[in-house]
Amino acid sequence: MLTSRYFPRHGSRLIDLRDVHPDSFDDILGAKIRRLQSIEGWSSEKRRLQRDLESMSAWFGYVGWSVDPRTYLVHQVGQSFLYDVPVNKRGNFAVFRGKRVRVICLGSGAFTRWVRVGPLNSLDVEAPSPEISIQRGREQLNR
């Protein structure tokens, strides 16, 4: 969680600090994140919460990828923040242009972190247009 104690002093070349906010959004995932952060040490409950967050975030439309902690501003499992994605953003954040997303660190390795990123409103998940769905359906029928 980005708090006054943790909040980074410098952004990265990927994420500008002007677009970053502490994660105070109150939803199911937010409650699980706060519970995970409140547990000191790695107990069985904390591991269970980590697994719950992983599976629930996918259900809510979050996508995940492995990142460099210096560019994504997360260093420990359970840290999260809100990010206002600029409308001209490219790369992994392109599907979230113009939306506020939550970035959650759910795994760590020696030099990488596993993050999940998703919209705060589950209705903001981009679904394929009906034309693309019809076209894909026809392609599968013709095989």
Protein backbone atom coordinates (compact mmCIF):
# COMPACT_ATOMS: atom_id res chain seq x y z
CA MET A 1 0.00 0.00 0.00
CA LEU A 2 1.27 3.44 -0.77
CA THR A 3 1.16 5.28 2.52
CA SER A 4 3.02 8.34 3.70
CA ARG A 5 5.61 5.93 5.06
CA TYR A 6 6.02 4.00 1.81
CA PHE A 7 5.02 6.52 -0.88
CA PRO A 8 7.94 6.72 -3.34
CA ARG A 9 9.79 10.00 -3.71
CA HIS A 10 10.48 9.47 -7.37
CA GLY A 11 8.32 8.03 -10.10
CA SER A 12 9.69 5.89 -12.85
CA ARG A 13 10.01 6.29 -16.56
CA LEU A 14 6.83 4.23 -16.86
CA ILE A 15 4.61 5.67 -14.11
CA ASP A 16 4.44 9.36 -13.27
CA LEU A 17 3.82 10.07 -9.57
CA ARG A 18 1.22 12.72 -10.46
CA ASP A 19 -1.01 9.87 -11.66
CA VAL A 20 -0.52 7.67 -8.56
CA HIS A 21 -2.85 7.65 -5.54
CA PRO A 22 -2.95 5.59 -2.32
CA ASP A 23 -5.28 2.61 -2.54
CA SER A 24 -8.22 3.52 -0.35
CA PHE A 25 -10.92 2.10 -2.62
CA ASP A 26 -13.37 0.07 -0.56
CA ASP A 27 -14.41 -3.09 -2.39
CA ILE A 28 -13.92 -6.82 -1.92
CA LEU A 29 -10.37 -6.80 -3.27
CA GLY A 30 -9.49 -3.70 -1.24
CA ALA A 31 -10.65 -5.40 1.96
CA LYS A 32 -8.54 -8.48 1.18
CA ILE A 33 -5.51 -6.29 0.39
CA ARG A 34 -5.80 -4.41 3.67
CA ARG A 35 -6.18 -7.69 5.59
CA LEU A 36 -3.09 -9.10 3.83
CA GLN A 37 -1.10 -5.98 4.69
CA SER A 38 -2.11 -6.10 8.35
CA ILE A 39 -0.57 -9.55 8.91
CA GLU A 40 3.09 -9.46 9.85
CA GLY A 41 5.18 -12.39 8.66
CA TRP A 42 4.13 -15.17 6.32
CA SER A 43 1.49 -17.21 8.10
CA SER A 44 -0.89 -19.70 6.52
CA GLU A 45 -3.63 -17.06 6.62
CA LYS A 46 -1.49 -14.57 4.71
CA ARG A 47 -0.68 -17.18 2.05
CA ARG A 48 -4.38 -18.03 1.76
CA LEU A 49 -5.22 -14.34 1.30
CA GLN A 50 -2.54 -14.06 -1.38
CA ARG A 51 -4.05 -17.04 -3.27
CA ASP A 52 -7.56 -15.60 -2.85
CA LEU A 53 -6.44 -12.25 -4.26
CA GLU A 54 -4.81 -13.98 -7.22
CA SER A 55 -7.94 -15.91 -8.15
CA MET A 56 -10.45 -13.15 -7.34
CA SER A 57 -8.56 -10.47 -9.24
CA ALA A 58 -8.64 -12.59 -12.40
CA TRP A 59 -12.40 -13.00 -11.98
CA PHE A 60 -12.80 -9.19 -11.71
CA GLY A 61 -10.98 -8.63 -15.01
CA TYR A 62 -7.48 -7.98 -13.73
CA VAL A 63 -4.58 -8.98 -15.94
CA GLY A 64 -1.15 -9.95 -14.68
CA TRP A 65 2.41 -9.84 -15.81
CA SER A 66 5.93 -10.02 -14.46
CA VAL A 67 7.58 -6.60 -13.95
CA ASP A 68 10.68 -4.81 -12.77
CA PRO A 69 9.88 -3.39 -9.30
CA ARG A 70 11.73 -0.15 -10.06
CA THR A 71 9.41 0.73 -12.94
CA TYR A 72 6.13 -0.36 -11.35
CA LEU A 73 6.76 1.14 -7.88
CA VAL A 74 5.86 -2.06 -6.00
CA HIS A 75 8.40 -3.99 -3.99
CA GLN A 76 6.56 -6.25 -1.53
CA VAL A 77 3.71 -8.69 -1.85
CA GLY A 78 0.50 -6.91 -0.86
CA GLN A 79 1.51 -3.40 -1.89
CA SER A 80 -1.05 -1.69 -4.07
CA PHE A 81 -1.86 1.73 -5.46
CA LEU A 82 -4.31 3.43 -7.77
CA TYR A 83 -3.08 4.69 -11.11
CA ASP A 84 -4.82 7.09 -13.50
CA VAL A 85 -3.74 5.70 -16.86
CA PRO A 86 -3.07 8.50 -19.37
CA VAL A 87 -5.09 8.37 -22.59
CA ASN A 88 -1.93 8.08 -24.69
CA LYS A 89 -0.45 5.16 -22.71
CA ARG A 90 1.02 2.28 -24.71
CA GLY A 91 2.17 -1.20 -23.79
CA ASN A 92 0.55 -3.26 -21.06
CA PHE A 93 -1.55 -0.33 -19.83
CA ALA A 94 -3.01 0.45 -23.28
CA VAL A 95 -6.24 -1.48 -22.60
CA PHE A 96 -6.85 0.75 -19.57
CA ARG A 97 -6.37 4.15 -21.25
CA GLY A 98 -8.25 6.93 -19.48
CA LYS A 99 -9.31 4.74 -16.55
CA ARG A 100 -8.28 4.49 -12.92
CA VAL A 101 -6.76 1.09 -12.21
CA ARG A 102 -5.45 -0.72 -9.18
CA VAL A 103 -1.94 -2.19 -9.31
CA ILE A 104 -1.38 -5.04 -6.83
CA CYS A 105 1.88 -6.89 -6.18
CA LEU A 106 1.04 -10.57 -5.67
CA GLY A 107 4.40 -12.26 -6.01
CA SER A 108 8.09 -11.51 -5.76
CA GLY A 109 11.27 -13.03 -7.05
CA ALA A 110 14.92 -12.02 -7.00
CA PHE A 111 14.62 -9.23 -9.56
CA THR A 112 10.98 -9.35 -10.67
CA ARG A 113 7.51 -8.94 -9.22
CA TRP A 114 4.20 -10.45 -10.30
CA VAL A 115 1.50 -7.78 -10.49
CA ARG A 116 -2.18 -7.76 -11.28
CA VAL A 117 -3.68 -4.65 -12.85
CA GLY A 118 -7.36 -4.02 -13.32
CA PRO A 119 -10.11 -1.42 -13.38
CA LEU A 120 -11.74 -0.32 -10.16
CA ASN A 121 -15.14 -0.70 -11.79
CA SER A 122 -15.57 -4.24 -13.13
CA LEU A 123 -17.86 -2.83 -15.83
CA ASP A 124 -14.82 -1.07 -17.35
CA VAL A 125 -13.39 -4.38 -18.53
CA GLU A 126 -13.08 -4.10 -22.28
CA ALA A 127 -15.02 -6.80 -24.05
CA PRO A 128 -14.55 -7.51 -27.76
CA SER A 129 -16.99 -5.76 -30.05
CA PRO A 130 -19.92 -7.84 -31.35
CA GLU A 131 -18.48 -7.75 -34.88
CA ILE A 132 -15.23 -9.36 -33.73
CA SER A 133 -17.15 -12.00 -31.76
CA ILE A 134 -19.30 -12.87 -34.79
CA GLN A 135 -16.24 -13.02 -37.03
CA ARG A 136 -14.41 -15.35 -34.61
CA GLY A 137 -17.51 -17.56 -34.37
CA ARG A 138 -17.70 -17.88 -38.17
CA GLU A 139 -13.99 -18.73 -38.35
CA GLN A 140 -14.47 -21.54 -35.83
CA LEU A 141 -17.47 -22.93 -37.75
CA ASN A 142 -15.53 -22.98 -41.03
CA ARG A 143 -12.63 -25.03 -39.59
